[in-house]
Amino acid sequence: MAENSFHLEIESDPNNLITVEEFVNYFAIEVGISKEKLPGLLLSVTEATTNAIIHANKSDKAKKVKINVNVEDKKLVICIIDEGTGFDPQNVPDPTAPENLLKDSGRGLYLMKVYMDEVKYKVTPEGTETTLILNIP
């Protein structure tokens, strides 16, 4: 497995999610992600990017979303950086609670935790960094 880093920067437009999917498919092949892990990786990165575009940057095309990908010590580290004001993950309702089961949004953070080995958030003055970590066997 090659030590690699990849970078993508997009405008905050939901139409750019197809570009993100192509980007994920590209780096996943390059770093040797298994076919079993790819759907969860794709879902996690697109969910995090969707949150960055819609919730953080309010679909303002003047604001960018950056995706930095690095392979470090058999870990795939993906950092999605927005230009929003940040949020507290503790204040996001639990999508598995009975009152939330039928809602059509609110599952993104939960799904990221299911599919990734680690999910971290860091709010900075410039925006929020969502870091997804997947162990590479």
N, C-alpha and C. Protein backbone atom coordinates (compact mmCIF):
# COMPACT_ATOMS: atom_id res chain seq x y z
N MET A 1 0.85 -1.19 0.00
CA MET A 1 0.00 0.00 0.00
C MET A 1 0.89 1.25 0.00
N ALA A 2 0.63 2.13 -0.92
CA ALA A 2 1.43 3.35 -1.03
C ALA A 2 0.98 4.37 0.00
N GLU A 3 1.93 5.14 0.50
CA GLU A 3 1.58 6.26 1.37
C GLU A 3 1.09 7.38 0.48
N ASN A 4 -0.15 7.77 0.65
CA ASN A 4 -0.75 8.73 -0.27
C ASN A 4 -1.47 9.83 0.47
N SER A 5 -1.58 10.97 -0.21
CA SER A 5 -2.47 12.01 0.26
C SER A 5 -3.20 12.58 -0.95
N PHE A 6 -4.45 12.96 -0.71
CA PHE A 6 -5.34 13.45 -1.76
C PHE A 6 -6.05 14.69 -1.24
N HIS A 7 -6.44 15.56 -2.15
CA HIS A 7 -7.08 16.80 -1.74
C HIS A 7 -8.16 17.18 -2.75
N LEU A 8 -9.30 17.62 -2.25
CA LEU A 8 -10.38 18.10 -3.10
C LEU A 8 -10.97 19.34 -2.44
N GLU A 9 -11.25 20.36 -3.25
CA GLU A 9 -11.92 21.56 -2.75
C GLU A 9 -13.09 21.84 -3.67
N ILE A 10 -14.29 22.01 -3.07
CA ILE A 10 -15.49 22.24 -3.86
C ILE A 10 -16.24 23.47 -3.33
N GLU A 11 -17.08 24.05 -4.19
CA GLU A 11 -18.01 25.09 -3.75
C GLU A 11 -19.12 24.41 -2.97
N SER A 12 -19.77 25.16 -2.08
CA SER A 12 -20.84 24.60 -1.26
C SER A 12 -22.14 24.51 -2.06
N ASP A 13 -22.16 23.56 -2.97
CA ASP A 13 -23.32 23.32 -3.82
C ASP A 13 -23.57 21.81 -3.79
N PRO A 14 -24.79 21.38 -3.39
CA PRO A 14 -25.08 19.95 -3.32
C PRO A 14 -24.82 19.20 -4.64
N ASN A 15 -24.86 19.92 -5.77
CA ASN A 15 -24.56 19.28 -7.06
C ASN A 15 -23.13 18.78 -7.13
N ASN A 16 -22.26 19.27 -6.25
CA ASN A 16 -20.86 18.84 -6.24
C ASN A 16 -20.66 17.51 -5.54
N LEU A 17 -21.72 16.94 -4.97
CA LEU A 17 -21.57 15.66 -4.26
C LEU A 17 -21.16 14.54 -5.22
N ILE A 18 -21.55 14.62 -6.48
CA ILE A 18 -21.12 13.60 -7.45
C ILE A 18 -19.60 13.64 -7.62
N THR A 19 -19.03 14.83 -7.58
CA THR A 19 -17.57 14.99 -7.65
C THR A 19 -16.93 14.35 -6.43
N VAL A 20 -17.55 14.53 -5.27
CA VAL A 20 -17.04 13.94 -4.04
C VAL A 20 -17.08 12.41 -4.13
N GLU A 21 -18.17 11.87 -4.66
CA GLU A 21 -18.27 10.41 -4.81
C GLU A 21 -17.17 9.88 -5.73
N GLU A 22 -16.94 10.57 -6.84
CA GLU A 22 -15.87 10.16 -7.76
C GLU A 22 -14.51 10.22 -7.06
N PHE A 23 -14.31 11.28 -6.27
CA PHE A 23 -13.06 11.47 -5.52
C PHE A 23 -12.85 10.31 -4.54
N VAL A 24 -13.91 9.94 -3.80
CA VAL A 24 -13.81 8.84 -2.84
C VAL A 24 -13.50 7.52 -3.56
N ASN A 25 -14.22 7.26 -4.65
CA ASN A 25 -13.95 6.04 -5.41
C ASN A 25 -12.51 6.00 -5.89
N TYR A 26 -12.00 7.14 -6.33
CA TYR A 26 -10.62 7.22 -6.82
C TYR A 26 -9.61 6.92 -5.70
N PHE A 27 -9.69 7.65 -4.57
CA PHE A 27 -8.66 7.42 -3.55
C PHE A 27 -8.83 6.07 -2.87
N ALA A 28 -10.06 5.56 -2.80
CA ALA A 28 -10.28 4.25 -2.18
C ALA A 28 -9.55 3.15 -2.96
N ILE A 29 -9.61 3.24 -4.29
CA ILE A 29 -8.89 2.28 -5.13
C ILE A 29 -7.38 2.45 -4.94
N GLU A 30 -6.93 3.70 -4.93
CA GLU A 30 -5.50 3.99 -4.80
C GLU A 30 -4.91 3.44 -3.50
N VAL A 31 -5.67 3.52 -2.40
CA VAL A 31 -5.14 3.08 -1.11
C VAL A 31 -5.54 1.65 -0.76
N GLY A 32 -6.33 1.01 -1.63
CA GLY A 32 -6.65 -0.40 -1.43
C GLY A 32 -7.77 -0.68 -0.45
N ILE A 33 -8.80 0.16 -0.44
CA ILE A 33 -9.96 -0.10 0.42
C ILE A 33 -10.73 -1.29 -0.17
N SER A 34 -11.16 -2.21 0.70
CA SER A 34 -11.87 -3.41 0.22
C SER A 34 -13.25 -3.05 -0.30
N LYS A 35 -13.78 -3.91 -1.16
CA LYS A 35 -15.12 -3.71 -1.71
C LYS A 35 -16.18 -3.72 -0.60
N GLU A 36 -15.89 -4.43 0.50
CA GLU A 36 -16.83 -4.48 1.62
C GLU A 36 -16.90 -3.15 2.36
N LYS A 37 -15.76 -2.48 2.45
CA LYS A 37 -15.70 -1.22 3.22
C LYS A 37 -16.08 0.01 2.40
N LEU A 38 -16.03 -0.11 1.06
CA LEU A 38 -16.25 1.05 0.21
C LEU A 38 -17.63 1.71 0.39
N PRO A 39 -18.74 0.95 0.44
CA PRO A 39 -20.04 1.63 0.58
C PRO A 39 -20.14 2.47 1.85
N GLY A 40 -19.64 1.96 2.97
CA GLY A 40 -19.66 2.71 4.23
C GLY A 40 -18.78 3.93 4.18
N LEU A 41 -17.63 3.80 3.53
CA LEU A 41 -16.71 4.93 3.36
C LEU A 41 -17.37 6.01 2.51
N LEU A 42 -17.96 5.60 1.40
CA LEU A 42 -18.62 6.53 0.49
C LEU A 42 -19.75 7.25 1.21
N LEU A 43 -20.57 6.50 1.92
CA LEU A 43 -21.69 7.08 2.67
C LEU A 43 -21.18 8.08 3.71
N SER A 44 -20.15 7.70 4.46
CA SER A 44 -19.64 8.56 5.52
C SER A 44 -19.08 9.88 4.98
N VAL A 45 -18.28 9.79 3.91
CA VAL A 45 -17.68 11.01 3.36
C VAL A 45 -18.76 11.90 2.74
N THR A 46 -19.73 11.31 2.02
CA THR A 46 -20.77 12.15 1.42
C THR A 46 -21.68 12.75 2.49
N GLU A 47 -21.95 12.01 3.57
CA GLU A 47 -22.76 12.57 4.66
C GLU A 47 -22.04 13.76 5.31
N ALA A 48 -20.75 13.57 5.59
CA ALA A 48 -19.98 14.65 6.22
C ALA A 48 -19.91 15.87 5.30
N THR A 49 -19.75 15.62 4.00
CA THR A 49 -19.67 16.72 3.04
C THR A 49 -21.03 17.40 2.89
N THR A 50 -22.10 16.61 2.88
CA THR A 50 -23.46 17.18 2.82
C THR A 50 -23.69 18.09 4.02
N ASN A 51 -23.31 17.63 5.21
CA ASN A 51 -23.44 18.46 6.42
C ASN A 51 -22.66 19.75 6.26
N ALA A 52 -21.45 19.65 5.73
CA ALA A 52 -20.60 20.83 5.54
C ALA A 52 -21.25 21.82 4.56
N ILE A 53 -21.78 21.30 3.46
CA ILE A 53 -22.39 22.16 2.44
C ILE A 53 -23.68 22.80 2.95
N ILE A 54 -24.59 21.97 3.46
CA ILE A 54 -25.94 22.45 3.77
C ILE A 54 -26.03 23.09 5.15
N HIS A 55 -25.56 22.40 6.18
CA HIS A 55 -25.73 22.90 7.54
C HIS A 55 -24.69 23.95 7.91
N ALA A 56 -23.45 23.71 7.56
CA ALA A 56 -22.38 24.63 7.96
C ALA A 56 -22.31 25.85 7.04
N ASN A 57 -22.16 25.59 5.75
CA ASN A 57 -21.95 26.68 4.79
C ASN A 57 -23.25 27.20 4.19
N LYS A 58 -24.39 26.64 4.60
CA LYS A 58 -25.72 27.10 4.15
C LYS A 58 -25.84 27.16 2.63
N SER A 59 -25.20 26.24 1.94
CA SER A 59 -25.20 26.16 0.47
C SER A 59 -24.75 27.47 -0.20
N ASP A 60 -23.90 28.22 0.51
CA ASP A 60 -23.34 29.47 -0.01
C ASP A 60 -22.15 29.11 -0.91
N LYS A 61 -22.32 29.31 -2.22
CA LYS A 61 -21.29 28.89 -3.18
C LYS A 61 -19.98 29.66 -3.01
N ALA A 62 -20.03 30.77 -2.30
CA ALA A 62 -18.79 31.52 -2.03
C ALA A 62 -17.94 30.81 -0.99
N LYS A 63 -18.58 29.91 -0.22
CA LYS A 63 -17.85 29.16 0.81
C LYS A 63 -17.43 27.82 0.25
N LYS A 64 -16.26 27.38 0.67
CA LYS A 64 -15.68 26.14 0.16
C LYS A 64 -15.77 25.02 1.20
N VAL A 65 -15.72 23.80 0.69
CA VAL A 65 -15.54 22.62 1.53
C VAL A 65 -14.26 21.96 1.03
N LYS A 66 -13.34 21.70 1.97
CA LYS A 66 -12.08 21.04 1.61
C LYS A 66 -12.09 19.63 2.17
N ILE A 67 -11.60 18.70 1.37
CA ILE A 67 -11.48 17.32 1.83
C ILE A 67 -10.02 16.91 1.67
N ASN A 68 -9.39 16.62 2.80
CA ASN A 68 -7.99 16.18 2.80
C ASN A 68 -7.95 14.72 3.23
N VAL A 69 -7.24 13.91 2.47
CA VAL A 69 -7.16 12.48 2.74
C VAL A 69 -5.70 12.10 2.87
N ASN A 70 -5.38 11.40 3.95
CA ASN A 70 -4.02 10.92 4.15
C ASN A 70 -4.06 9.49 4.65
N VAL A 71 -3.03 8.74 4.31
CA VAL A 71 -2.87 7.40 4.87
C VAL A 71 -1.73 7.51 5.88
N GLU A 72 -2.05 7.17 7.15
CA GLU A 72 -1.06 7.26 8.23
C GLU A 72 -1.14 5.99 9.06
N ASP A 73 -0.06 5.25 9.14
CA ASP A 73 0.00 4.06 9.99
C ASP A 73 -1.20 3.12 9.82
N LYS A 74 -1.44 2.67 8.60
CA LYS A 74 -2.55 1.76 8.30
C LYS A 74 -3.91 2.34 8.67
N LYS A 75 -4.00 3.65 8.66
CA LYS A 75 -5.28 4.32 8.89
C LYS A 75 -5.53 5.29 7.74
N LEU A 76 -6.76 5.28 7.26
CA LEU A 76 -7.19 6.26 6.27
C LEU A 76 -7.81 7.41 7.05
N VAL A 77 -7.22 8.59 6.94
CA VAL A 77 -7.68 9.76 7.70
C VAL A 77 -8.25 10.78 6.71
N ILE A 78 -9.55 11.04 6.84
CA ILE A 78 -10.24 11.95 5.93
C ILE A 78 -10.73 13.13 6.75
N CYS A 79 -10.31 14.33 6.37
CA CYS A 79 -10.70 15.54 7.08
C CYS A 79 -11.56 16.40 6.15
N ILE A 80 -12.80 16.65 6.57
CA ILE A 80 -13.73 17.49 5.81
C ILE A 80 -13.83 18.82 6.54
N ILE A 81 -13.44 19.91 5.87
CA ILE A 81 -13.35 21.22 6.52
C ILE A 81 -14.33 22.17 5.86
N ASP A 82 -15.20 22.77 6.68
CA ASP A 82 -16.16 23.74 6.16
C ASP A 82 -15.83 25.14 6.67
N GLU A 83 -16.63 26.11 6.27
CA GLU A 83 -16.43 27.49 6.71
C GLU A 83 -17.60 27.97 7.56
N GLY A 84 -18.26 27.02 8.24
CA GLY A 84 -19.43 27.35 9.06
C GLY A 84 -19.05 27.70 10.49
N THR A 85 -20.06 27.92 11.32
CA THR A 85 -19.83 28.35 12.70
C THR A 85 -19.65 27.20 13.67
N GLY A 86 -19.85 25.97 13.21
CA GLY A 86 -19.64 24.82 14.10
C GLY A 86 -20.92 24.38 14.78
N PHE A 87 -20.85 23.24 15.43
CA PHE A 87 -22.00 22.67 16.12
C PHE A 87 -21.50 21.79 17.24
N ASP A 88 -22.41 21.42 18.13
CA ASP A 88 -22.07 20.50 19.21
C ASP A 88 -22.71 19.15 18.89
N PRO A 89 -21.88 18.14 18.59
CA PRO A 89 -22.44 16.83 18.24
C PRO A 89 -23.34 16.26 19.34
N GLN A 90 -23.12 16.69 20.59
CA GLN A 90 -23.95 16.21 21.70
C GLN A 90 -25.39 16.71 21.57
N ASN A 91 -25.60 17.81 20.85
CA ASN A 91 -26.94 18.38 20.71
C ASN A 91 -27.72 17.83 19.52
N VAL A 92 -27.12 16.89 18.79
CA VAL A 92 -27.80 16.29 17.65
C VAL A 92 -28.67 15.15 18.17
N PRO A 93 -29.99 15.16 17.86
CA PRO A 93 -30.87 14.12 18.39
C PRO A 93 -30.45 12.71 17.95
N ASP A 94 -30.69 11.74 18.81
CA ASP A 94 -30.37 10.35 18.52
C ASP A 94 -31.35 9.81 17.48
N PRO A 95 -30.84 9.42 16.29
CA PRO A 95 -31.75 8.96 15.24
C PRO A 95 -32.39 7.60 15.54
N THR A 96 -31.85 6.89 16.56
CA THR A 96 -32.43 5.59 16.90
C THR A 96 -33.54 5.72 17.95
N ALA A 97 -33.76 6.95 18.47
CA ALA A 97 -34.85 7.17 19.42
C ALA A 97 -36.18 7.04 18.68
N PRO A 98 -37.18 6.43 19.31
CA PRO A 98 -38.46 6.17 18.63
C PRO A 98 -39.05 7.40 17.93
N GLU A 99 -38.96 8.57 18.56
CA GLU A 99 -39.56 9.77 17.96
C GLU A 99 -38.80 10.27 16.73
N ASN A 100 -37.60 9.75 16.51
CA ASN A 100 -36.79 10.21 15.37
C ASN A 100 -36.69 9.19 14.23
N LEU A 101 -37.24 7.99 14.43
CA LEU A 101 -37.05 6.93 13.44
C LEU A 101 -37.59 7.26 12.06
N LEU A 102 -38.66 8.02 11.98
CA LEU A 102 -39.27 8.29 10.68
C LEU A 102 -38.80 9.61 10.07
N LYS A 103 -37.95 10.34 10.75
CA LYS A 103 -37.45 11.59 10.19
C LYS A 103 -36.52 11.30 9.02
N ASP A 104 -36.54 12.17 8.01
CA ASP A 104 -35.73 11.89 6.81
C ASP A 104 -34.34 12.52 6.89
N SER A 105 -34.00 13.12 8.00
CA SER A 105 -32.63 13.60 8.17
C SER A 105 -32.20 13.30 9.60
N GLY A 106 -30.92 13.53 9.89
CA GLY A 106 -30.44 13.32 11.25
C GLY A 106 -29.70 12.01 11.46
N ARG A 107 -29.53 11.24 10.40
CA ARG A 107 -28.84 9.96 10.56
C ARG A 107 -27.36 10.02 10.18
N GLY A 108 -26.94 11.10 9.55
CA GLY A 108 -25.58 11.18 9.03
C GLY A 108 -24.50 10.94 10.06
N LEU A 109 -24.57 11.64 11.18
CA LEU A 109 -23.52 11.49 12.21
C LEU A 109 -23.53 10.07 12.77
N TYR A 110 -24.75 9.53 12.96
CA TYR A 110 -24.89 8.17 13.46
C TYR A 110 -24.25 7.17 12.50
N LEU A 111 -24.56 7.31 11.20
CA LEU A 111 -24.02 6.38 10.20
C LEU A 111 -22.50 6.48 10.10
N MET A 112 -21.97 7.70 10.22
CA MET A 112 -20.51 7.86 10.20
C MET A 112 -19.88 7.07 11.33
N LYS A 113 -20.50 7.11 12.53
CA LYS A 113 -19.96 6.38 13.68
C LYS A 113 -20.06 4.87 13.46
N VAL A 114 -21.12 4.43 12.75
CA VAL A 114 -21.29 3.00 12.48
C VAL A 114 -20.20 2.50 11.53
N TYR A 115 -19.94 3.24 10.46
CA TYR A 115 -19.04 2.75 9.40
C TYR A 115 -17.57 3.09 9.60
N MET A 116 -17.27 4.13 10.34
CA MET A 116 -15.88 4.53 10.53
C MET A 116 -15.36 3.97 11.86
N ASP A 117 -14.06 3.81 11.96
CA ASP A 117 -13.48 3.34 13.22
C ASP A 117 -13.39 4.47 14.24
N GLU A 118 -13.35 5.70 13.74
CA GLU A 118 -13.28 6.86 14.63
C GLU A 118 -13.84 8.07 13.91
N VAL A 119 -14.59 8.92 14.63
CA VAL A 119 -15.11 10.17 14.09
C VAL A 119 -14.82 11.26 15.10
N LYS A 120 -14.19 12.35 14.64
CA LYS A 120 -13.84 13.44 15.55
C LYS A 120 -14.30 14.77 14.93
N TYR A 121 -14.62 15.72 15.80
CA TYR A 121 -15.01 17.05 15.34
C TYR A 121 -14.14 18.07 16.03
N LYS A 122 -13.71 19.07 15.29
CA LYS A 122 -12.94 20.16 15.87
C LYS A 122 -13.48 21.46 15.30
N VAL A 123 -14.01 22.31 16.19
CA VAL A 123 -14.52 23.61 15.76
C VAL A 123 -13.39 24.62 15.89
N THR A 124 -13.11 25.32 14.78
CA THR A 124 -12.06 26.33 14.76
C THR A 124 -12.70 27.66 14.38
N PRO A 125 -11.99 28.76 14.53
CA PRO A 125 -12.56 30.05 14.10
C PRO A 125 -12.88 30.08 12.60
N GLU A 126 -12.20 29.26 11.81
CA GLU A 126 -12.41 29.26 10.36
C GLU A 126 -13.54 28.34 9.94
N GLY A 127 -13.92 27.38 10.80
CA GLY A 127 -14.96 26.43 10.45
C GLY A 127 -14.83 25.16 11.27
N THR A 128 -15.55 24.14 10.86
CA THR A 128 -15.52 22.86 11.56
C THR A 128 -14.74 21.84 10.74
N GLU A 129 -13.93 21.05 11.43
CA GLU A 129 -13.21 19.95 10.81
C GLU A 129 -13.84 18.65 11.31
N THR A 130 -14.35 17.87 10.38
CA THR A 130 -14.86 16.54 10.70
C THR A 130 -13.81 15.55 10.22
N THR A 131 -13.30 14.73 11.14
CA THR A 131 -12.26 13.76 10.78
C THR A 131 -12.84 12.36 10.88
N LEU A 132 -12.75 11.64 9.76
CA LEU A 132 -13.20 10.26 9.69
C LEU A 132 -11.95 9.39 9.60
N ILE A 133 -11.89 8.35 10.43
CA ILE A 133 -10.73 7.46 10.43
C ILE A 133 -11.20 6.03 10.19
N LEU A 134 -10.60 5.40 9.19
CA LEU A 134 -10.91 4.02 8.87
C LEU A 134 -9.62 3.22 8.90
N ASN A 135 -9.61 2.15 9.70
CA ASN A 135 -8.42 1.28 9.75
C ASN A 135 -8.33 0.49 8.45
N ILE A 136 -7.13 0.43 7.90
CA ILE A 136 -6.89 -0.34 6.68
C ILE A 136 -6.17 -1.62 7.09
N PRO A 137 -6.81 -2.77 6.87
CA PRO A 137 -6.19 -4.04 7.31
C PRO A 137 -4.88 -4.30 6.58
